[in-house]
């Protein structure tokens, strides 16, 4: 097992994420995995949070059935996601897992805006299918598949948890969903 690298630490606090954004449970005190999600506009991280798996599942369950199906179909249709586990299965270097968009395979060197996500357990990183990087074009394709009720639910989550920047810095319909 590999410790979560500094790239996935909180830029705001210059340290590893400690608690779930939603329920505030302390990660090293629980047995549930959690995800770290960050959004980059160019080189700047404009949005970041960590959420335990139960809260993440609750949030996903609040999305419409149609949106959940469409998101799942989008990620399942990506031939790269089907092969990247085989290609990267032995690597525990997050840079190997994030050197291409997880869905379209565009090299990270050609991507300006993107989101990254990893999964942790305590202080260690869990691999496969995370960590992953998704380019802004693929994020937009996911957004286009969401129902209005799901977009409203996601917007409410963003504005409930992020007053001012980043909520003001990102258009509500452009905030990525790595669920």
Protein backbone atom coordinates (compact mmCIF):
# COMPACT_ATOMS: atom_id res chain seq x y z
CA UNK A 1 0.00 0.00 0.00
CA UNK A 2 1.15 3.49 -0.89
CA UNK A 3 0.48 6.65 1.10
CA UNK A 4 -1.71 9.20 -0.62
CA UNK A 5 0.73 11.46 -2.48
CA UNK A 6 0.84 15.21 -1.81
CA UNK A 7 -0.78 15.92 -5.20
CA UNK A 8 -4.03 14.59 -3.68
CA UNK A 9 -3.66 16.52 -0.42
CA UNK A 10 -5.71 19.63 0.22
CA UNK A 11 -4.16 22.66 -1.44
CA UNK A 12 -6.21 24.87 0.85
CA UNK A 13 -4.79 23.28 4.02
CA UNK A 14 -1.44 22.06 2.61
CA UNK A 15 -2.07 18.67 4.24
CA UNK A 16 -3.96 15.43 3.64
CA UNK A 17 -7.74 15.64 3.79
CA UNK A 18 -8.84 14.73 7.30
CA UNK A 19 -12.64 14.62 7.29
CA UNK A 20 -15.62 13.94 5.07
CA UNK A 21 -17.09 17.11 3.62
CA UNK A 22 -20.62 15.90 4.31
CA UNK A 23 -20.64 13.96 7.60
CA UNK A 24 -17.31 15.23 8.99
CA UNK A 25 -16.15 11.78 10.11
CA UNK A 26 -12.35 11.57 10.47
CA UNK A 27 -10.87 9.36 7.75
CA UNK A 28 -8.19 7.65 9.81
CA UNK A 29 -10.81 6.70 12.43
CA UNK A 30 -13.27 4.97 10.08
CA UNK A 31 -13.11 1.75 8.10
CA UNK A 32 -14.80 3.23 5.02
CA UNK A 33 -12.85 4.32 1.96
CA UNK A 34 -13.19 7.89 0.75
CA UNK A 35 -12.60 9.81 -2.45
CA UNK A 36 -10.65 13.00 -3.02
CA UNK A 37 -11.82 15.09 -5.96
CA UNK A 38 -10.07 18.13 -7.39
CA UNK A 39 -10.90 20.36 -10.34
CA UNK A 40 -8.20 22.23 -12.22
CA UNK A 41 -8.60 25.21 -14.50
CA UNK A 42 -5.19 25.32 -16.11
CA UNK A 43 -2.59 24.88 -13.39
CA UNK A 44 -4.87 26.18 -10.63
CA UNK A 45 -6.92 23.91 -8.37
CA UNK A 46 -10.26 25.74 -8.12
CA UNK A 47 -12.33 23.12 -6.34
CA UNK A 48 -11.51 20.25 -3.98
CA UNK A 49 -13.19 18.01 -1.47
CA UNK A 50 -13.04 14.59 0.14
CA UNK A 51 -16.06 12.43 0.86
CA UNK A 52 -16.47 9.06 2.55
CA UNK A 53 -17.93 6.25 0.47
CA UNK A 54 -21.28 6.09 2.34
CA UNK A 55 -21.85 9.83 1.77
CA UNK A 56 -20.73 9.51 -1.84
CA UNK A 57 -23.19 6.66 -2.35
CA UNK A 58 -25.97 8.68 -0.71
CA UNK A 59 -25.24 11.60 -3.03
CA UNK A 60 -25.26 9.33 -6.09
CA UNK A 61 -28.53 7.74 -4.91
CA UNK A 62 -30.10 11.20 -4.79
CA UNK A 63 -29.53 11.56 -8.53
CA UNK A 64 -32.35 10.52 -10.83
CA UNK A 65 -32.38 6.91 -11.97
CA UNK A 66 -32.07 8.08 -15.57
CA UNK A 67 -28.97 10.18 -14.79
CA UNK A 68 -27.33 7.33 -12.87
CA UNK A 69 -27.97 5.01 -15.82
CA UNK A 70 -26.60 7.53 -18.35
CA UNK A 71 -23.48 8.21 -16.25
CA UNK A 72 -22.88 4.49 -15.89
CA UNK A 73 -23.37 3.92 -19.62
CA UNK A 74 -20.92 6.72 -20.42
CA UNK A 75 -18.17 5.25 -18.25
CA UNK A 76 -18.92 1.66 -19.29
CA UNK A 77 -18.75 2.61 -22.99
CA UNK A 78 -15.19 3.82 -22.61
CA UNK A 79 -12.97 1.13 -24.02
CA UNK A 80 -10.05 2.61 -22.13
CA UNK A 81 -11.65 2.03 -18.76
CA UNK A 82 -12.05 -1.62 -19.68
CA UNK A 83 -8.35 -2.03 -20.49
CA UNK A 84 -6.63 0.38 -18.13
CA UNK A 85 -6.88 -2.05 -15.21
CA UNK A 86 -5.01 -4.63 -17.24
CA UNK A 87 -2.48 -2.10 -18.49
CA UNK A 88 -1.85 -0.47 -15.11
CA UNK A 89 -2.81 -3.20 -12.65
CA UNK A 90 0.69 -3.55 -11.18
CA UNK A 91 1.48 0.18 -10.99
CA UNK A 92 1.15 2.02 -7.71
CA UNK A 93 2.30 5.30 -9.23
CA UNK A 94 -0.60 7.77 -9.50
CA UNK A 95 1.11 9.46 -12.45
CA UNK A 96 0.74 6.27 -14.52
CA UNK A 97 -3.00 6.26 -13.77
CA UNK A 98 -3.46 9.98 -14.59
CA UNK A 99 -1.28 10.41 -17.67
CA UNK A 100 -4.34 10.10 -19.93
CA UNK A 101 -7.99 11.02 -19.64
CA UNK A 102 -9.59 7.90 -18.18
CA UNK A 103 -12.38 7.97 -20.74
CA UNK A 104 -11.04 9.34 -24.04
CA UNK A 105 -7.31 8.58 -23.61
CA UNK A 106 -6.21 12.11 -24.46
CA UNK A 107 -2.69 12.56 -23.04
CA UNK A 108 -2.50 14.82 -19.98
CA UNK A 109 0.12 16.92 -21.81
CA UNK A 110 -2.66 18.01 -24.19
CA UNK A 111 -5.25 18.77 -21.50
CA UNK A 112 -5.66 22.19 -19.91
CA UNK A 113 -8.76 21.83 -17.71
CA UNK A 114 -9.48 18.56 -15.92
CA UNK A 115 -10.59 16.80 -12.77
CA UNK A 116 -8.74 14.19 -10.78
CA UNK A 117 -9.95 11.77 -8.17
CA UNK A 118 -8.39 9.15 -5.96
CA UNK A 119 -9.68 6.73 -3.37
CA UNK A 120 -8.13 6.43 0.06
CA UNK A 121 -8.42 4.28 3.12
CA UNK A 122 -6.88 5.92 6.14
CA UNK A 123 -3.61 7.37 4.86
CA UNK A 124 -3.20 4.95 1.94
CA UNK A 125 -4.32 5.08 -1.67
CA UNK A 126 -6.52 2.39 -3.19
CA UNK A 127 -5.86 1.65 -6.84
CA UNK A 128 -8.16 0.55 -9.65
CA UNK A 129 -10.18 2.20 -11.02
CA UNK A 130 -8.78 5.19 -9.14
CA UNK A 131 -6.83 7.37 -9.36
CA UNK A 132 -8.19 8.87 -12.53
CA UNK A 133 -8.12 12.06 -14.51
CA UNK A 134 -11.02 13.22 -16.70
CA UNK A 135 -10.59 16.00 -19.25
CA UNK A 136 -13.06 18.89 -19.38
CA UNK A 137 -14.47 17.68 -22.73
CA UNK A 138 -15.44 14.34 -21.17
CA UNK A 139 -16.77 16.12 -18.08
CA UNK A 140 -19.03 18.12 -20.39
CA UNK A 141 -20.24 14.90 -22.01
CA UNK A 142 -21.21 13.63 -18.56
CA UNK A 143 -23.00 16.91 -17.78
CA UNK A 144 -25.02 16.61 -20.99
CA UNK A 145 -26.38 13.25 -19.79
CA UNK A 146 -27.81 14.59 -16.54
CA UNK A 147 -31.47 15.24 -15.95
CA UNK A 148 -32.57 18.65 -14.72
CA UNK A 149 -33.39 17.20 -11.29
CA UNK A 150 -29.88 15.73 -11.01
CA UNK A 151 -28.25 18.99 -12.08
CA UNK A 152 -30.39 20.78 -9.48
CA UNK A 153 -29.36 18.25 -6.81
CA UNK A 154 -25.66 18.63 -7.71
CA UNK A 155 -25.91 22.42 -7.79
CA UNK A 156 -27.49 22.37 -4.33
CA UNK A 157 -24.62 20.19 -3.06
CA UNK A 158 -22.07 22.64 -4.49
CA UNK A 159 -23.72 25.76 -3.12
CA UNK A 160 -24.44 24.14 0.28
CA UNK A 161 -20.80 23.20 0.77
CA UNK A 162 -18.85 25.86 -1.13
CA UNK A 163 -19.82 29.45 -0.51
CA UNK A 164 -18.09 31.96 -2.75
CA UNK A 165 -15.20 30.49 -4.68
CA UNK A 166 -15.23 27.80 -5.99
CA UNK A 167 -19.02 27.93 -6.34
CA UNK A 168 -18.78 31.40 -7.88
CA UNK A 169 -15.77 30.45 -9.99
CA UNK A 170 -17.49 27.54 -11.72
CA UNK A 171 -20.75 27.67 -13.61
CA UNK A 172 -23.17 25.27 -11.90
CA UNK A 173 -23.71 23.30 -15.11
CA UNK A 174 -19.96 22.95 -15.58
CA UNK A 175 -18.98 21.52 -12.20
CA UNK A 176 -17.72 18.00 -12.87
CA UNK A 177 -19.23 14.91 -11.37
CA UNK A 178 -16.79 12.10 -10.64
CA UNK A 179 -19.26 9.73 -9.08
